[in-house]
Amino acid sequence: MAELTINADDVRNALNDFAASYEPSGTDRTEVGRVISAADGIARVEGLPSVMANELLRFENGIQGLAQNLDTREIGVVVLGEFQEIREGMEVQRTGEILSVPVGDAFLGRVVDPLGQPIDDLGPIEAEGRRALELQAPTVTERKSVHEPLQTGMKAIDAMIPIGRGQRQLIIGDRQTGKTAIAVDTILNQKANWESGDVEKQVRCVYVAVGQKASTIAGVRATLEEHGALEYTTIVASPASDPAGFKYLAPYAGSAIGQHWMYGGKHVLIIFDDLSKQAEAYRAVSLLLRRPPGREAYPGDVFYLHSRLLERCAKLSDEMGAGSMTGLPIIETKANDVSAYIPTNVISITDGQIFLQSDLFNANQRPAVDVGISVSRVGGAAQVKAMKKVSGTLKLDLAQYRDQQAFSMFASDLDPATRRQLARGERLMELLKQPQYSPYPVEEQVVSIWAGSKGHLDEVPVQDVLRFEREFIDHLRRHTSVLTDIASTGKLEDGTVSALESAVAEFSKGFQSSEEGGVRAGHEEHRAIEQDQVAQEQITKQKR
């Protein structure tokens, strides 16, 4: 009889294989982790070996969290709620989902938090579906070049820094220079398109408020409601009192809501106010997660934070539905320093920038757009033909005016040509002033800039320029069809120009300026400059 031998290694391996393959019947297998510490909006969790990056986790008290750091022994979780309610030893479960927000037309006119939950006390929102926050941007083949204009209603921007649908145009400047005012005015200017009922013209707006005072957000909402613009606008609010995690996620939530409409063939305008505070919130989250800091203590991937957000703004190809999402990110500078880390990052990502100068703002030049360093890299292709025709030399004229103005501060005697150029430049700068919450239709902008650039305001006193513009537009509306023709065709035909010439000549005769003598005094001043120029030429000839 053979001797029975037992190999201990074989027994151990068999038991290990059986234990690994054993599946108990009638029970669900769930991974459970436990909180080992929680502070400053960050929870550290042990366990959950199969958790994925950016997976949504749920604490036993119902609060959600976002898995960010996947270390060997623990997970760094951004708490999406009141982190003070998280306690050591709490049970944490996986959900198997990534963070998403509800989307749909029911969000128009509502104020929601970064998780898509209403915070305006107007009841629940019936969503059409959900969309992931971290959604991939459209690919190159899914895009189309920007070719449709998006009117802001501001003469200084639509004439010299035009914006097209699908463009990313940065609004940058110091605090209290009118950045939010430009964004809100742009939303207000979409009202006529919305009321037209034409899907091709309608623009749905998303205003993302990051790190703003709650009173400021309430003020923006009240302004939109007062002007009838809230019905086509969604506000995603993450006020200064929110945890850093919410402020970091808010722009992605707004972008997801907008992308739902964009992929449905509709047009969207999204405003991020502002991305400086989002970057600061992300820096706080990263430092609390103990990620290595880089320049200005920002993490190394802060560029990717903004690039993956802004690349989601696009003009889609016809095959994808031809929808668009136009982005107006806002960045706050300190002492007009555009060479800081975050401003240079966002400038390099976007398709142009509108730079607002505090000196211009304090000099009552509002909107305080610095035309010299503001630029639109792709919007020119989308500009209305009539506007392109009248504003072609405007930027150059204003640049020459600034140079001559700087020179005239040190020169006592100026030649007539320089004086004439200074006089026109001063009137053009006055013409570009615009009160807040009063956007101009594009046809009125065209007529206004045509009158200024063609010299029809040269003899009008500077303090009367805006009144001349307002009364001249009223005159055109009552006595001619010029404004209707420009609005319907988008062009400035020869016949329209002739009608404008006749109308401005007729109107100028009856215009009463605030100075004694009216426009006639301007005529005499203009004639004196011309006589002075003739005298200078005669002296030059005699010297020869």
Protein backbone atom coordinates (compact mmCIF):
# COMPACT_ATOMS: atom_id res chain seq x y z
CA MET A 1 0.00 0.00 0.00
CA ALA A 2 1.41 3.36 -1.15
CA GLU A 3 2.14 5.98 1.48
CA LEU A 4 -0.19 9.06 1.43
CA THR A 5 1.79 12.33 1.31
CA ILE A 6 0.31 15.80 1.80
CA ASN A 7 2.08 18.84 0.35
CA ALA A 8 1.34 21.91 2.47
CA ASP A 9 2.01 24.32 -0.43
CA ASP A 10 -0.54 22.56 -2.63
CA VAL A 11 -3.17 22.78 0.10
CA ARG A 12 -2.47 26.48 0.65
CA ASN A 13 -2.73 27.26 -3.07
CA ALA A 14 -5.98 25.32 -3.40
CA LEU A 15 -7.53 27.18 -0.48
CA ASN A 16 -6.39 30.55 -1.87
CA ASP A 17 -7.87 29.78 -5.30
CA PHE A 18 -11.17 28.72 -3.72
CA ALA A 19 -11.35 31.86 -1.56
CA ALA A 20 -10.61 34.12 -4.52
CA SER A 21 -13.27 32.52 -6.72
CA TYR A 22 -15.94 32.18 -4.04
CA GLU A 23 -19.08 34.28 -4.69
CA PRO A 24 -21.69 34.10 -1.93
CA SER A 25 -25.20 33.66 -3.33
CA GLY A 26 -28.05 36.08 -2.57
CA THR A 27 -25.83 38.96 -1.42
CA ASP A 28 -24.51 42.13 -3.10
CA ARG A 29 -20.83 42.87 -3.01
CA THR A 30 -20.10 46.49 -2.10
CA GLU A 31 -16.82 48.14 -1.28
CA VAL A 32 -16.85 50.13 1.93
CA GLY A 33 -14.31 52.65 3.14
CA ARG A 34 -13.96 54.66 6.33
CA VAL A 35 -13.08 58.29 7.01
CA ILE A 36 -9.77 58.64 8.81
CA SER A 37 -9.76 62.47 8.90
CA ALA A 38 -11.80 65.43 7.64
CA ALA A 39 -10.95 69.13 7.59
CA ASP A 40 -11.24 72.21 5.33
CA GLY A 41 -13.51 70.50 2.82
CA ILE A 42 -11.21 67.50 2.33
CA ALA A 43 -11.83 63.99 3.72
CA ARG A 44 -9.22 61.24 3.79
CA VAL A 45 -10.71 57.78 3.30
CA GLU A 46 -9.11 54.34 3.66
CA GLY A 47 -10.38 51.27 1.85
CA LEU A 48 -12.23 51.30 -1.50
CA PRO A 49 -9.38 49.67 -3.48
CA SER A 50 -11.28 49.75 -6.81
CA VAL A 51 -12.35 53.41 -6.72
CA MET A 52 -11.77 55.41 -9.93
CA ALA A 53 -10.46 58.95 -10.37
CA ASN A 54 -13.26 61.56 -10.23
CA GLU A 55 -15.74 58.93 -9.05
CA LEU A 56 -18.65 60.10 -6.94
CA LEU A 57 -18.61 58.73 -3.38
CA ARG A 58 -21.40 58.82 -0.80
CA PHE A 59 -20.91 59.23 2.95
CA GLU A 60 -23.30 57.46 5.32
CA ASN A 61 -25.10 60.76 6.13
CA GLY A 62 -25.93 61.30 2.42
CA ILE A 63 -23.27 63.92 1.63
CA GLN A 64 -21.41 63.32 -1.62
CA GLY A 65 -17.70 63.56 -2.33
CA LEU A 66 -15.39 63.50 -5.34
CA ALA A 67 -12.42 61.10 -5.37
CA GLN A 68 -9.37 63.17 -6.35
CA ASN A 69 -6.15 61.73 -4.90
CA LEU A 70 -5.71 57.95 -5.25
CA ASP A 71 -2.80 57.15 -2.95
CA THR A 72 -1.54 53.73 -1.88
CA ARG A 73 -3.22 53.68 1.51
CA GLU A 74 -5.87 56.40 1.33
CA ILE A 75 -8.07 58.49 -0.97
CA GLY A 76 -8.25 62.30 -0.94
CA VAL A 77 -11.94 63.24 -1.31
CA VAL A 78 -13.33 66.72 -2.02
CA VAL A 79 -16.50 66.99 0.09
CA LEU A 80 -19.46 68.37 -1.89
CA GLY A 81 -21.43 69.74 1.03
CA GLU A 82 -20.98 70.70 4.67
CA PHE A 83 -17.67 69.07 5.58
CA GLN A 84 -18.28 69.88 9.27
CA GLU A 85 -20.81 67.02 9.29
CA ILE A 86 -18.18 64.46 8.26
CA ARG A 87 -16.80 62.50 11.23
CA GLU A 88 -13.90 60.08 11.63
CA GLY A 89 -14.97 56.47 11.23
CA MET A 90 -17.91 57.31 8.96
CA GLU A 91 -18.71 54.72 6.33
CA VAL A 92 -18.10 55.69 2.68
CA GLN A 93 -19.48 53.83 -0.35
CA ARG A 94 -18.76 53.93 -4.06
CA THR A 95 -21.51 54.94 -6.47
CA GLY A 96 -19.82 53.79 -9.68
CA GLU A 97 -20.79 57.13 -11.28
CA ILE A 98 -18.98 60.30 -12.27
CA LEU A 99 -20.31 63.71 -11.26
CA SER A 100 -23.12 64.98 -13.51
CA VAL A 101 -25.73 67.75 -13.50
CA PRO A 102 -29.35 67.81 -14.68
CA VAL A 103 -29.94 69.78 -17.91
CA GLY A 104 -32.83 71.08 -20.02
CA ASP A 105 -34.93 74.11 -20.96
CA ALA A 106 -36.51 74.11 -17.49
CA PHE A 107 -33.27 75.66 -16.22
CA LEU A 108 -33.94 78.92 -18.08
CA GLY A 109 -34.89 81.64 -15.62
CA ARG A 110 -33.55 79.69 -12.62
CA VAL A 111 -30.64 80.01 -10.18
CA VAL A 112 -28.88 76.73 -9.36
CA ASP A 113 -25.83 75.58 -7.41
CA PRO A 114 -22.87 73.72 -9.00
CA LEU A 115 -24.71 70.39 -8.56
CA GLY A 116 -27.72 71.69 -10.51
CA GLN A 117 -29.97 72.02 -7.45
CA PRO A 118 -32.27 75.09 -7.42
CA ILE A 119 -31.46 77.75 -4.81
CA ASP A 120 -34.04 80.40 -5.79
CA ASP A 121 -37.01 79.02 -3.78
CA LEU A 122 -39.07 78.54 -6.95
CA GLY A 123 -39.57 74.80 -6.56
CA PRO A 124 -37.91 71.76 -8.16
CA ILE A 125 -36.71 71.68 -11.78
CA GLU A 126 -37.88 68.97 -14.18
CA ALA A 127 -34.73 67.99 -16.06
CA GLU A 128 -34.61 66.50 -19.55
CA GLY A 129 -31.57 64.42 -18.69
CA ARG A 130 -28.13 64.56 -17.11
CA ARG A 131 -24.75 65.51 -18.51
CA ALA A 132 -21.31 64.79 -17.07
CA LEU A 133 -19.37 67.77 -15.73
CA GLU A 134 -16.07 66.59 -17.20
CA LEU A 135 -17.27 66.24 -20.78
CA GLN A 136 -14.84 65.96 -23.69
CA ALA A 137 -14.57 69.09 -25.86
CA PRO A 138 -15.65 68.81 -29.54
CA THR A 139 -12.92 67.40 -31.78
CA VAL A 140 -11.36 69.26 -34.72
CA THR A 141 -13.58 67.49 -37.26
CA GLU A 142 -16.71 68.32 -35.25
CA ARG A 143 -16.02 72.06 -35.44
CA LYS A 144 -16.59 74.78 -37.99
CA SER A 145 -14.87 78.15 -38.39
CA VAL A 146 -16.50 81.10 -36.62
CA HIS A 147 -18.60 83.03 -39.15
CA GLU A 148 -21.75 84.30 -37.37
CA PRO A 149 -21.66 87.52 -35.31
CA LEU A 150 -22.65 87.70 -31.67
CA GLN A 151 -23.59 91.32 -30.98
CA THR A 152 -22.76 92.76 -27.56
CA GLY A 153 -24.65 96.02 -28.17
CA MET A 154 -21.55 98.06 -27.28
CA LYS A 155 -20.10 100.28 -30.00
CA ALA A 156 -16.50 100.01 -28.82
CA ILE A 157 -16.60 96.19 -28.92
CA ASP A 158 -18.81 95.42 -31.94
CA ALA A 159 -16.88 97.91 -34.11
CA MET A 160 -13.25 97.18 -33.17
CA ILE A 161 -13.20 93.88 -31.22
CA PRO A 162 -16.03 91.88 -32.84
CA ILE A 163 -17.12 88.57 -31.33
CA GLY A 164 -18.41 85.59 -33.32
CA ARG A 165 -20.56 82.66 -32.21
CA GLY A 166 -18.33 79.91 -30.89
CA GLN A 167 -15.48 82.27 -29.99
CA ARG A 168 -13.74 82.53 -26.60
CA GLN A 169 -13.22 86.23 -25.82
CA LEU A 170 -11.52 87.14 -22.55
CA ILE A 171 -12.66 90.19 -20.54
CA ILE A 172 -9.72 91.26 -18.38
CA GLY A 173 -9.06 94.20 -16.08
CA ASP A 174 -8.64 95.39 -12.51
CA ARG A 175 -11.47 95.25 -9.99
CA GLN A 176 -14.23 97.83 -10.46
CA THR A 177 -13.52 98.52 -14.14
CA GLY A 178 -16.83 97.28 -15.56
CA LYS A 179 -16.07 93.64 -16.48
CA THR A 180 -19.37 92.24 -15.20
CA ALA A 181 -21.22 95.23 -16.71
CA ILE A 182 -19.99 94.27 -20.21
CA ALA A 183 -21.07 90.66 -19.66
CA VAL A 184 -24.53 91.64 -18.37
CA ASP A 185 -25.04 94.14 -21.22
CA THR A 186 -24.20 91.38 -23.70
CA ILE A 187 -26.92 89.19 -22.15
CA LEU A 188 -29.41 92.08 -22.29
CA ASN A 189 -28.61 92.63 -25.98
CA GLN A 190 -29.88 89.12 -26.83
CA LYS A 191 -33.45 90.05 -25.83
CA ALA A 192 -34.59 91.14 -29.32
CA ASN A 193 -33.25 87.89 -30.81
CA TRP A 194 -35.05 85.84 -28.14
CA GLU A 195 -38.35 87.63 -28.72
CA SER A 196 -38.09 87.05 -32.48
CA GLY A 197 -38.83 83.35 -31.89
CA ASP A 198 -36.31 82.37 -34.59
CA VAL A 199 -34.17 79.47 -33.33
CA GLU A 200 -31.32 80.60 -35.60
CA LYS A 201 -31.27 84.00 -33.87
CA GLN A 202 -32.08 83.01 -30.30
CA VAL A 203 -29.18 82.83 -27.84
CA ARG A 204 -29.59 81.07 -24.49
CA CYS A 205 -27.35 82.55 -21.80
CA VAL A 206 -25.57 80.94 -18.83
CA TYR A 207 -24.06 83.22 -16.18
CA VAL A 208 -21.62 81.42 -13.87
CA ALA A 209 -20.84 83.40 -10.70
CA VAL A 210 -17.74 82.07 -8.91
CA GLY A 211 -16.69 83.46 -5.55
CA GLN A 212 -18.88 86.58 -5.83
CA LYS A 213 -20.71 88.11 -2.90
CA ALA A 214 -24.24 86.71 -2.60
CA SER A 215 -25.58 90.29 -2.75
CA THR A 216 -23.75 90.85 -6.05
CA ILE A 217 -25.27 87.70 -7.57
CA ALA A 218 -28.71 88.78 -6.35
CA GLY A 219 -28.12 92.19 -7.97
CA VAL A 220 -27.26 90.60 -11.33
CA ARG A 221 -30.38 88.42 -11.15
CA ALA A 222 -32.55 91.45 -10.31
CA THR A 223 -31.07 93.40 -13.25
CA LEU A 224 -31.74 90.56 -15.68
CA GLU A 225 -35.28 90.16 -14.38
CA GLU A 226 -35.96 93.91 -14.56
CA HIS A 227 -34.90 94.06 -18.22
CA GLY A 228 -36.75 90.88 -19.22
CA ALA A 229 -33.57 88.87 -19.81
CA LEU A 230 -33.95 86.25 -17.07
CA GLU A 231 -36.37 84.17 -19.17
CA TYR A 232 -33.50 83.07 -21.46
CA THR A 233 -30.75 82.97 -18.80
CA THR A 234 -29.57 80.37 -16.29
CA ILE A 235 -27.48 81.48 -13.31
CA VAL A 236 -25.05 78.97 -11.77
CA ALA A 237 -24.07 80.47 -8.43
CA SER A 238 -21.21 79.53 -6.14
CA PRO A 239 -20.88 82.51 -3.77
CA ALA A 240 -17.86 83.35 -1.64
CA SER A 241 -19.34 81.43 1.30
CA ASP A 242 -19.26 78.12 -0.61
CA PRO A 243 -16.49 75.56 0.01
CA ALA A 244 -13.55 75.68 -2.42
CA GLY A 245 -14.72 72.44 -4.07
CA PHE A 246 -17.98 74.04 -5.20
CA LYS A 247 -16.20 77.10 -6.61
CA TYR A 248 -13.85 74.80 -8.53
CA LEU A 249 -16.76 72.84 -10.05
CA ALA A 250 -19.17 75.72 -10.85
CA PRO A 251 -17.75 76.64 -14.32
CA TYR A 252 -17.87 72.99 -15.41
CA ALA A 253 -21.51 72.74 -14.28
CA GLY A 254 -22.43 75.84 -16.29
CA SER A 255 -20.55 74.50 -19.30
CA ALA A 256 -22.40 71.16 -19.11
CA ILE A 257 -25.77 72.96 -19.02
CA GLY A 258 -24.76 75.04 -22.06
CA GLN A 259 -23.38 72.08 -24.01
CA HIS A 260 -26.75 70.34 -23.77
CA TRP A 261 -28.25 73.17 -25.86
CA MET A 262 -25.20 73.45 -28.14
CA TYR A 263 -25.40 69.77 -29.15
CA GLY A 264 -29.14 70.30 -29.71
CA GLY A 265 -28.36 72.75 -32.53
CA LYS A 266 -29.00 75.89 -30.45
CA HIS A 267 -26.79 78.91 -29.72
CA VAL A 268 -25.44 79.58 -26.23
CA LEU A 269 -23.55 82.42 -24.53
CA ILE A 270 -21.73 81.46 -21.33
CA ILE A 271 -20.04 83.92 -18.97
CA PHE A 272 -17.51 82.79 -16.34
CA ASP A 273 -17.34 85.50 -13.65
CA ASP A 274 -14.59 84.99 -12.83
CA LEU A 275 -11.94 82.36 -13.53
CA SER A 276 -9.38 84.02 -11.22
CA LYS A 277 -11.45 82.92 -8.23
CA GLN A 278 -11.88 79.43 -9.70
CA ALA A 279 -8.09 79.14 -10.00
CA GLU A 280 -7.68 80.28 -6.39
CA ALA A 281 -10.26 77.70 -5.26
CA TYR A 282 -8.46 74.96 -7.21
CA ARG A 283 -5.17 76.06 -5.64
CA ALA A 284 -6.73 75.73 -2.18
CA VAL A 285 -8.10 72.26 -2.98
CA SER A 286 -4.76 71.10 -4.42
CA LEU A 287 -2.73 72.35 -1.45
CA LEU A 288 -5.15 70.68 0.98
CA LEU A 289 -4.74 67.46 -1.01
CA ARG A 290 -0.96 67.94 -0.55
CA ARG A 291 -0.21 68.17 -4.23
CA PRO A 292 3.14 69.85 -5.01
CA PRO A 293 2.77 73.60 -5.64
CA GLY A 294 4.31 75.45 -8.60
CA ARG A 295 4.47 79.09 -9.67
CA GLU A 296 2.51 81.40 -7.31
CA ALA A 297 1.62 78.20 -5.35
CA TYR A 298 -0.74 77.06 -8.14
CA PRO A 299 -0.59 73.33 -9.00
CA GLY A 300 1.18 72.25 -12.17
CA ASP A 301 -2.05 71.44 -14.02
CA VAL A 302 -3.76 74.83 -13.54
CA PHE A 303 -3.37 75.53 -17.29
CA TYR A 304 -5.28 72.32 -18.02
CA LEU A 305 -7.95 73.44 -15.52
CA HIS A 306 -8.88 76.34 -17.83
CA SER A 307 -7.99 74.89 -21.23
CA ARG A 308 -10.28 71.86 -20.90
CA LEU A 309 -13.07 74.21 -19.78
CA LEU A 310 -12.73 76.84 -22.51
CA GLU A 311 -12.15 74.33 -25.33
CA ARG A 312 -15.74 73.18 -24.79
CA CYS A 313 -16.88 76.49 -26.34
CA ALA A 314 -17.12 75.92 -30.10
CA LYS A 315 -19.03 76.43 -33.32
CA LEU A 316 -20.16 72.94 -34.34
CA SER A 317 -20.17 71.65 -37.91
CA ASP A 318 -23.41 71.19 -39.86
CA GLU A 319 -23.20 67.42 -39.32
CA MET A 320 -23.19 68.01 -35.54
CA GLY A 321 -26.22 70.31 -35.69
CA ALA A 322 -24.46 73.68 -36.28
CA GLY A 323 -24.99 74.78 -32.66
CA SER A 324 -22.53 77.05 -30.90
CA MET A 325 -21.35 78.04 -27.43
CA THR A 326 -19.62 81.41 -27.08
CA GLY A 327 -17.48 81.88 -23.98
CA LEU A 328 -16.78 85.17 -22.21
CA PRO A 329 -14.37 84.30 -19.38
CA ILE A 330 -13.52 87.12 -16.97
CA ILE A 331 -10.11 87.51 -15.30
CA GLU A 332 -9.30 90.06 -12.60
CA THR A 333 -5.81 91.59 -12.71
CA LYS A 334 -3.91 93.43 -10.00
CA ALA A 335 -2.50 96.87 -10.90
CA ASN A 336 -3.15 96.19 -14.62
CA ASP A 337 -0.56 93.40 -14.61
CA VAL A 338 -1.50 91.13 -17.52
CA SER A 339 1.81 89.25 -17.26
CA ALA A 340 0.81 87.36 -14.11
CA TYR A 341 0.43 83.58 -14.24
CA ILE A 342 -3.35 83.12 -14.61
CA PRO A 343 -3.92 86.10 -16.99
CA THR A 344 -1.20 84.91 -19.39
CA ASN A 345 -2.57 81.36 -19.27
CA VAL A 346 -6.10 82.40 -20.20
CA ILE A 347 -4.92 84.93 -22.82
CA SER A 348 -3.06 82.10 -24.57
CA ILE A 349 -6.15 79.84 -24.49
CA THR A 350 -8.74 82.36 -25.72
CA ASP A 351 -9.32 83.88 -29.18
CA GLY A 352 -8.77 87.46 -28.06
CA GLN A 353 -9.15 89.79 -25.11
CA ILE A 354 -11.04 92.93 -24.15
CA PHE A 355 -8.73 94.83 -21.80
CA LEU A 356 -10.34 97.34 -19.44
CA GLN A 357 -8.20 100.16 -18.04
CA SER A 358 -8.87 101.63 -14.60
CA ASP A 359 -7.46 105.01 -15.77
CA LEU A 360 -10.04 105.18 -18.57
CA PHE A 361 -12.79 104.12 -16.18
CA ASN A 362 -11.85 106.83 -13.67
CA ALA A 363 -11.76 109.38 -16.53
CA ASN A 364 -15.44 108.51 -17.20
CA GLN A 365 -14.63 106.70 -20.47
CA ARG A 366 -17.08 103.82 -20.07
CA PRO A 367 -16.95 101.07 -21.20
CA ALA A 368 -13.26 101.52 -20.36
CA VAL A 369 -11.94 99.45 -23.28
CA ASP A 370 -8.25 99.97 -24.06
CA VAL A 371 -8.40 99.66 -27.85
CA GLY A 372 -4.62 99.54 -28.16
CA ILE A 373 -4.08 96.11 -26.57
CA SER A 374 -7.59 94.66 -27.00
CA VAL A 375 -7.89 92.29 -29.95
CA SER A 376 -10.26 89.75 -31.50
CA ARG A 377 -8.39 87.08 -33.45
CA VAL A 378 -11.31 85.36 -35.19
CA GLY A 379 -14.32 87.65 -34.77
CA GLY A 380 -13.50 89.80 -37.82
CA ALA A 381 -14.74 87.03 -40.11
CA ALA A 382 -18.13 87.19 -38.38
CA GLN A 383 -18.55 90.98 -38.41
CA VAL A 384 -21.58 92.47 -40.16
CA LYS A 385 -20.51 93.89 -43.55
CA ALA A 386 -21.98 97.32 -42.84
CA MET A 387 -20.03 97.54 -39.57
CA LYS A 388 -16.84 96.31 -41.22
CA LYS A 389 -17.20 99.04 -43.85
CA VAL A 390 -17.63 101.96 -41.43
CA SER A 391 -15.20 100.80 -38.72
CA GLY A 392 -12.30 99.80 -40.97
CA THR A 393 -10.09 102.77 -40.01
CA LEU A 394 -11.57 103.46 -36.57
CA LYS A 395 -8.94 101.56 -34.58
CA LEU A 396 -6.10 103.22 -36.53
CA ASP A 397 -7.67 106.68 -36.11
CA LEU A 398 -7.91 106.21 -32.35
CA ALA A 399 -4.33 104.90 -32.15
CA GLN A 400 -3.09 108.00 -34.00
CA TYR A 401 -5.21 110.18 -31.72
CA ARG A 402 -3.57 108.68 -28.62
CA ASP A 403 -0.10 109.30 -30.08
CA GLN A 404 -0.95 112.88 -31.03
CA GLN A 405 -2.54 113.47 -27.64
CA ALA A 406 0.61 112.35 -25.85
CA PHE A 407 2.69 114.60 -28.13
CA SER A 408 0.38 117.61 -27.67
CA MET A 409 0.98 117.59 -23.91
CA PHE A 410 4.54 118.79 -24.55
CA ALA A 411 4.01 120.91 -27.68
CA SER A 412 2.77 124.49 -27.41
CA ASP A 413 2.06 125.12 -31.10
CA LEU A 414 0.36 122.44 -33.20
CA ASP A 415 -0.19 122.50 -36.95
CA PRO A 416 -3.81 122.60 -38.21
CA ALA A 417 -3.80 118.97 -39.41
CA THR A 418 -2.78 117.77 -35.94
CA ARG A 419 -5.39 119.96 -34.29
CA ARG A 420 -8.03 118.59 -36.64
CA GLN A 421 -6.96 115.02 -35.87
CA LEU A 422 -7.09 115.70 -32.13
CA ALA A 423 -10.55 117.26 -32.44
CA ARG A 424 -11.91 114.26 -34.35
CA GLY A 425 -10.28 111.75 -32.01
CA GLU A 426 -11.77 113.49 -28.99
CA ARG A 427 -15.23 113.27 -30.54
CA LEU A 428 -14.77 109.62 -31.50
CA MET A 429 -13.79 108.77 -27.92
CA GLU A 430 -16.89 110.62 -26.71
CA LEU A 431 -18.99 108.72 -29.25
CA LEU A 432 -17.81 105.37 -27.87
CA LYS A 433 -19.13 106.18 -24.40
CA GLN A 434 -22.27 104.28 -23.51
CA PRO A 435 -24.47 104.14 -20.40
CA GLN A 436 -24.81 100.81 -18.60
CA TYR A 437 -27.79 98.57 -19.45
CA SER A 438 -28.41 100.38 -22.77
CA PRO A 439 -27.10 98.18 -25.61
CA TYR A 440 -27.42 99.58 -29.15
CA PRO A 441 -28.88 97.60 -32.10
CA VAL A 442 -26.23 97.03 -34.77
CA GLU A 443 -27.89 99.36 -37.31
CA GLU A 444 -27.75 102.27 -34.84
CA GLN A 445 -24.09 101.49 -34.11
CA VAL A 446 -23.30 101.56 -37.85
CA VAL A 447 -24.95 104.97 -38.33
CA SER A 448 -23.28 106.40 -35.23
CA ILE A 449 -19.76 105.28 -36.18
CA TRP A 450 -20.30 106.34 -39.81
CA ALA A 451 -21.16 109.87 -38.67
CA GLY A 452 -18.08 110.07 -36.44
CA SER A 453 -15.52 108.55 -38.81
CA LYS A 454 -16.72 110.60 -41.80
CA GLY A 455 -16.23 113.89 -39.94
CA HIS A 456 -19.88 114.84 -39.47
CA LEU A 457 -19.26 115.40 -35.76
CA ASP A 458 -16.12 117.52 -36.19
CA GLU A 459 -18.06 120.75 -35.75
CA VAL A 460 -20.24 119.54 -32.86
CA PRO A 461 -19.06 120.54 -29.35
CA VAL A 462 -17.68 117.52 -27.48
CA GLN A 463 -20.26 117.74 -24.70
CA ASP A 464 -23.05 117.55 -27.32
CA VAL A 465 -21.76 114.54 -29.26
CA LEU A 466 -23.92 111.92 -27.51
CA ARG A 467 -27.00 114.15 -27.71
CA PHE A 468 -26.33 114.73 -31.43
CA GLU A 469 -26.05 110.96 -31.92
CA ARG A 470 -29.28 110.23 -30.03
CA GLU A 471 -31.31 112.93 -31.81
CA PHE A 472 -29.86 112.04 -35.23
CA ILE A 473 -30.88 108.38 -34.80
CA ASP A 474 -34.40 109.52 -33.80
CA HIS A 475 -34.46 111.74 -36.92
CA LEU A 476 -33.49 108.76 -39.12
CA ARG A 477 -36.11 106.55 -37.50
CA ARG A 478 -38.88 109.09 -38.11
CA HIS A 479 -38.01 110.39 -41.58
CA THR A 480 -36.04 107.68 -43.42
CA SER A 481 -35.84 103.90 -43.89
CA VAL A 482 -32.04 103.83 -43.45
CA LEU A 483 -32.06 101.91 -40.14
CA THR A 484 -34.53 99.35 -41.48
CA ASP A 485 -32.46 98.84 -44.64
CA ILE A 486 -29.23 98.25 -42.70
CA ALA A 487 -30.95 95.89 -40.24
CA SER A 488 -32.52 93.79 -43.02
CA THR A 489 -29.52 93.56 -45.40
CA GLY A 490 -26.57 93.94 -43.04
CA LYS A 491 -24.91 96.06 -45.73
CA LEU A 492 -24.29 99.76 -46.33
CA GLU A 493 -25.25 100.23 -49.98
CA ASP A 494 -24.44 103.35 -52.04
CA GLY A 495 -28.09 104.42 -51.95
CA THR A 496 -28.12 104.12 -48.16
CA VAL A 497 -24.95 106.21 -47.89
CA SER A 498 -26.51 108.93 -50.08
CA ALA A 499 -29.61 108.94 -47.89
CA LEU A 500 -27.39 109.23 -44.80
CA GLU A 501 -25.45 112.15 -46.31
CA SER A 502 -28.68 114.02 -47.05
CA ALA A 503 -30.16 113.23 -43.64
CA VAL A 504 -27.09 114.34 -41.65
CA ALA A 505 -26.82 117.58 -43.65
CA GLU A 506 -30.49 118.36 -43.04
CA PHE A 507 -30.31 117.42 -39.35
CA SER A 508 -27.12 119.44 -38.68
CA LYS A 509 -28.80 122.65 -39.85
CA GLY A 510 -31.44 122.43 -37.15
CA PHE A 511 -29.32 120.96 -34.34
CA GLN A 512 -29.01 123.30 -31.37
CA SER A 513 -25.77 122.86 -29.46
CA SER A 514 -25.37 123.80 -25.81
CA GLU A 515 -22.79 126.44 -26.75
CA GLU A 516 -23.93 129.87 -27.89
CA GLY A 517 -24.05 130.02 -31.66
CA GLY A 518 -24.83 126.32 -32.03
CA VAL A 519 -23.11 124.31 -34.73
CA ARG A 520 -22.34 127.58 -36.52
CA ALA A 521 -19.65 128.26 -33.90
CA GLY A 522 -18.12 124.92 -34.78
CA HIS A 523 -18.24 125.87 -38.48
CA GLU A 524 -16.35 129.10 -37.73
CA GLU A 525 -13.73 127.28 -35.67
CA HIS A 526 -13.29 124.74 -38.45
CA ARG A 527 -12.94 127.57 -41.01
CA ALA A 528 -10.34 129.31 -38.82
CA ILE A 529 -8.27 126.12 -38.71
CA GLU A 530 -8.43 125.84 -42.50
CA GLN A 531 -7.39 129.51 -42.93
CA ASP A 532 -4.52 128.92 -40.51
CA GLN A 533 -3.43 125.93 -42.59
CA VAL A 534 -3.46 128.03 -45.81
CA ALA A 535 -1.37 130.71 -44.11
CA GLN A 536 1.16 128.11 -42.97
CA GLU A 537 1.46 126.74 -46.52
CA GLN A 538 2.04 130.27 -47.91
CA ILE A 539 4.82 130.91 -45.37
CA THR A 540 6.45 127.61 -46.36
CA LYS A 541 6.36 128.58 -50.06
CA GLN A 542 7.91 132.01 -49.34
CA LYS A 543 10.76 130.36 -47.42
CA ARG A 544 11.51 128.20 -50.44
